[in-house]
Amino acid sequence: MSELGLNTISFAGRAAASSQFKTLYAEGMSLVEETAAYLDGNGRAASKVLPRMASVLYAAESMRLTTRLMQMASWLLLQRAVNNGEMSRDQVLAEKNKVRLDGFNVDRNAPGWGDLPESFRDLVERSLRLQNRIALLDREIYRPSEAPIVHDNQNSVQAQLSLLQTAFGNN
């Protein structure tokens, strides 16, 4: 074994080009469509009868929700483009830097949160879960490779355990 990177499998890279990615892509795009339909339809009607504090919160959270979903959709489209050979990894890296996959958390203790429509809160929660999954995949795919050199006399089991610890953040 000469370099660790030559003998390991990039699970994240394979997952990004797999049927799991296609499922994630479909889920993300479906959530975008479902949210748009809700905000233009039932959500618009529901927001008009909310108490003042909840109404202000609804406006703010719907903007955050829309922004979060657009950022995720951008990432999914970029990843699909690289998977399909439409863009190089370097092109995607340059564009991907414009995409934010964090920092859109929700204060569930904010005044008025409990008054928001349940279907709206469900969309927010689902978008946050999807955001976390995409952000995790993004970190795994695009983190800088730091493949240390493994000497022939190093215990290969220990090398694999170190890899697992690195992959799961238990350094």
Protein backbone atom coordinates (compact mmCIF):
# COMPACT_ATOMS: atom_id res chain seq x y z
CA MET A 1 0.00 0.00 0.00
CA SER A 2 1.62 3.26 -1.07
CA GLU A 3 -0.91 6.03 -0.55
CA LEU A 4 -4.07 5.70 1.42
CA GLY A 5 -6.06 7.54 -1.24
CA LEU A 6 -5.23 4.93 -3.87
CA ASN A 7 -6.79 2.06 -1.94
CA THR A 8 -9.93 3.63 -0.53
CA ILE A 9 -13.38 4.09 -1.95
CA SER A 10 -15.07 7.47 -1.91
CA PHE A 11 -18.48 6.49 -0.59
CA ALA A 12 -19.72 10.08 -0.82
CA GLY A 13 -18.53 10.40 -4.40
CA ARG A 14 -20.24 7.17 -5.36
CA ALA A 15 -23.41 8.14 -3.47
CA ALA A 16 -23.53 11.46 -5.31
CA ALA A 17 -23.63 9.62 -8.65
CA SER A 18 -25.97 6.86 -7.52
CA SER A 19 -29.65 6.12 -7.34
CA GLN A 20 -29.57 7.57 -3.80
CA PHE A 21 -28.63 10.92 -5.32
CA LYS A 22 -31.44 10.62 -7.85
CA THR A 23 -33.82 10.02 -4.95
CA LEU A 24 -32.41 13.00 -3.04
CA TYR A 25 -32.66 15.14 -6.17
CA ALA A 26 -36.28 14.12 -6.74
CA GLU A 27 -37.11 14.74 -3.08
CA GLY A 28 -35.50 18.18 -3.15
CA MET A 29 -37.19 19.29 -6.34
CA SER A 30 -40.51 17.91 -5.18
CA LEU A 31 -40.22 19.86 -1.92
CA VAL A 32 -39.48 23.03 -3.91
CA GLU A 33 -42.63 22.51 -6.00
CA GLU A 34 -44.77 21.56 -3.02
CA THR A 35 -43.61 24.62 -1.07
CA ALA A 36 -44.21 26.98 -3.99
CA ALA A 37 -47.72 25.60 -4.45
CA TYR A 38 -48.42 25.92 -0.72
CA LEU A 39 -47.10 29.48 -0.43
CA ASP A 40 -49.10 30.57 -3.49
CA GLY A 41 -52.27 28.78 -2.41
CA ASN A 42 -53.26 27.50 1.04
CA GLY A 43 -50.35 29.28 2.72
CA ARG A 44 -51.35 32.65 1.34
CA ALA A 45 -54.91 32.18 2.61
CA ALA A 46 -53.75 30.88 6.01
CA SER A 47 -51.31 33.76 6.49
CA LYS A 48 -54.08 36.33 6.15
CA VAL A 49 -55.87 35.15 9.28
CA LEU A 50 -52.84 34.75 11.55
CA PRO A 51 -52.38 36.85 14.69
CA ARG A 52 -50.04 39.81 14.14
CA MET A 53 -46.92 38.24 15.70
CA ALA A 54 -47.41 34.99 13.80
CA SER A 55 -48.06 36.92 10.60
CA VAL A 56 -44.74 38.73 10.86
CA LEU A 57 -42.99 35.46 11.68
CA TYR A 58 -44.72 33.72 8.76
CA ALA A 59 -43.44 36.38 6.36
CA ALA A 60 -39.88 36.07 7.66
CA GLU A 61 -39.90 32.27 7.79
CA SER A 62 -41.41 31.93 4.32
CA MET A 63 -38.56 34.06 2.96
CA ARG A 64 -36.01 31.90 4.79
CA LEU A 65 -37.75 28.74 3.59
CA THR A 66 -37.74 29.92 -0.01
CA THR A 67 -34.09 30.95 0.19
CA ARG A 68 -33.11 27.65 1.82
CA LEU A 69 -34.90 25.66 -0.88
CA MET A 70 -33.38 27.69 -3.71
CA GLN A 71 -29.90 27.17 -2.30
CA MET A 72 -30.50 23.42 -2.05
CA ALA A 73 -31.98 23.28 -5.55
CA SER A 74 -28.92 25.10 -6.88
CA TRP A 75 -26.62 22.56 -5.22
CA LEU A 76 -28.67 19.63 -6.52
CA LEU A 77 -28.63 21.04 -10.06
CA LEU A 78 -24.87 21.57 -9.90
CA GLN A 79 -24.30 18.05 -8.62
CA ARG A 80 -26.55 16.63 -11.34
CA ALA A 81 -24.60 18.61 -13.95
CA VAL A 82 -21.28 17.16 -12.78
CA ASN A 83 -22.79 13.66 -12.57
CA ASN A 84 -24.06 13.97 -16.14
CA GLY A 85 -20.73 15.30 -17.43
CA GLU A 86 -22.24 18.69 -18.29
CA MET A 87 -19.81 20.51 -15.99
CA SER A 88 -16.35 19.69 -14.72
CA ARG A 89 -15.68 19.31 -11.03
CA ASP A 90 -13.66 22.57 -11.15
CA GLN A 91 -16.58 24.44 -12.77
CA VAL A 92 -18.92 23.10 -10.10
CA LEU A 93 -16.49 24.10 -7.35
CA ALA A 94 -16.41 27.66 -8.68
CA GLU A 95 -20.22 27.86 -8.83
CA LYS A 96 -20.78 25.92 -5.62
CA ASN A 97 -19.03 28.63 -3.62
CA LYS A 98 -22.09 30.83 -4.25
CA VAL A 99 -24.39 28.27 -2.62
CA ARG A 100 -25.06 28.41 1.12
CA LEU A 101 -26.12 25.19 2.77
CA ASP A 102 -26.01 26.38 6.36
CA GLY A 103 -27.08 29.27 8.49
CA PHE A 104 -30.81 29.00 7.81
CA ASN A 105 -31.90 27.57 11.14
CA VAL A 106 -35.23 28.23 12.78
CA ASP A 107 -36.09 29.54 16.22
CA ARG A 108 -38.94 27.27 17.22
CA ASN A 109 -39.29 29.28 20.44
CA ALA A 110 -39.93 32.53 18.60
CA PRO A 111 -43.17 34.30 19.56
CA GLY A 112 -45.88 33.16 17.17
CA TRP A 113 -44.18 29.90 16.08
CA GLY A 114 -46.95 27.78 17.59
CA ASP A 115 -49.57 29.87 15.77
CA LEU A 116 -48.10 29.15 12.35
CA PRO A 117 -50.06 26.66 10.22
CA GLU A 118 -48.98 23.09 10.90
CA SER A 119 -48.50 22.42 7.19
CA PHE A 120 -46.13 25.40 6.97
CA ARG A 121 -44.13 24.25 9.99
CA ASP A 122 -43.95 20.78 8.41
CA LEU A 123 -42.49 22.25 5.21
CA VAL A 124 -39.93 24.16 7.26
CA GLU A 125 -38.93 21.04 9.22
CA ARG A 126 -38.66 18.90 6.09
CA SER A 127 -36.54 21.56 4.39
CA LEU A 128 -34.18 21.66 7.37
CA ARG A 129 -33.78 17.87 7.37
CA LEU A 130 -33.09 17.92 3.63
CA GLN A 131 -30.65 20.80 4.06
CA ASN A 132 -28.72 18.81 6.66
CA ARG A 133 -28.52 15.75 4.40
CA ILE A 134 -27.32 17.83 1.46
CA ALA A 135 -24.79 19.75 3.58
CA LEU A 136 -23.38 16.47 4.91
CA LEU A 137 -23.06 15.04 1.40
CA ASP A 138 -21.47 18.31 0.23
CA ARG A 139 -18.84 18.17 2.99
CA GLU A 140 -18.04 14.56 2.15
CA ILE A 141 -17.76 15.13 -1.60
CA TYR A 142 -15.93 18.44 -1.64
CA ARG A 143 -13.76 18.47 1.44
CA PRO A 144 -10.07 18.76 0.62
CA SER A 145 -8.45 15.37 0.32
CA GLU A 146 -5.80 14.89 2.92
CA ALA A 147 -4.65 11.39 2.10
CA PRO A 148 -1.74 10.61 4.40
CA ILE A 149 0.97 8.24 3.25
CA VAL A 150 0.62 4.80 4.77
CA HIS A 151 3.82 2.85 5.18
CA ASP A 152 3.86 -0.82 4.30
CA ASN A 153 4.53 -1.79 7.89
CA GLN A 154 1.52 0.14 9.24
CA ASN A 155 -1.28 -1.99 10.52
CA SER A 156 -3.94 -1.90 7.76
CA VAL A 157 -6.74 -2.42 10.28
CA GLN A 158 -5.57 0.64 12.20
CA ALA A 159 -5.42 2.59 8.93
CA GLN A 160 -9.02 1.66 8.16
CA LEU A 161 -10.13 2.57 11.69
CA SER A 162 -8.46 5.96 11.27
CA LEU A 163 -10.34 6.43 8.02
CA LEU A 164 -13.64 5.60 9.70
CA GLN A 165 -12.88 7.98 12.55
CA THR A 166 -12.12 10.72 10.04
CA ALA A 167 -15.26 9.98 8.04
CA PHE A 168 -17.52 10.09 11.08
CA GLY A 169 -15.81 13.01 12.78
CA ASN A 170 -14.55 11.08 15.81
CA ASN A 171 -10.98 12.31 15.59
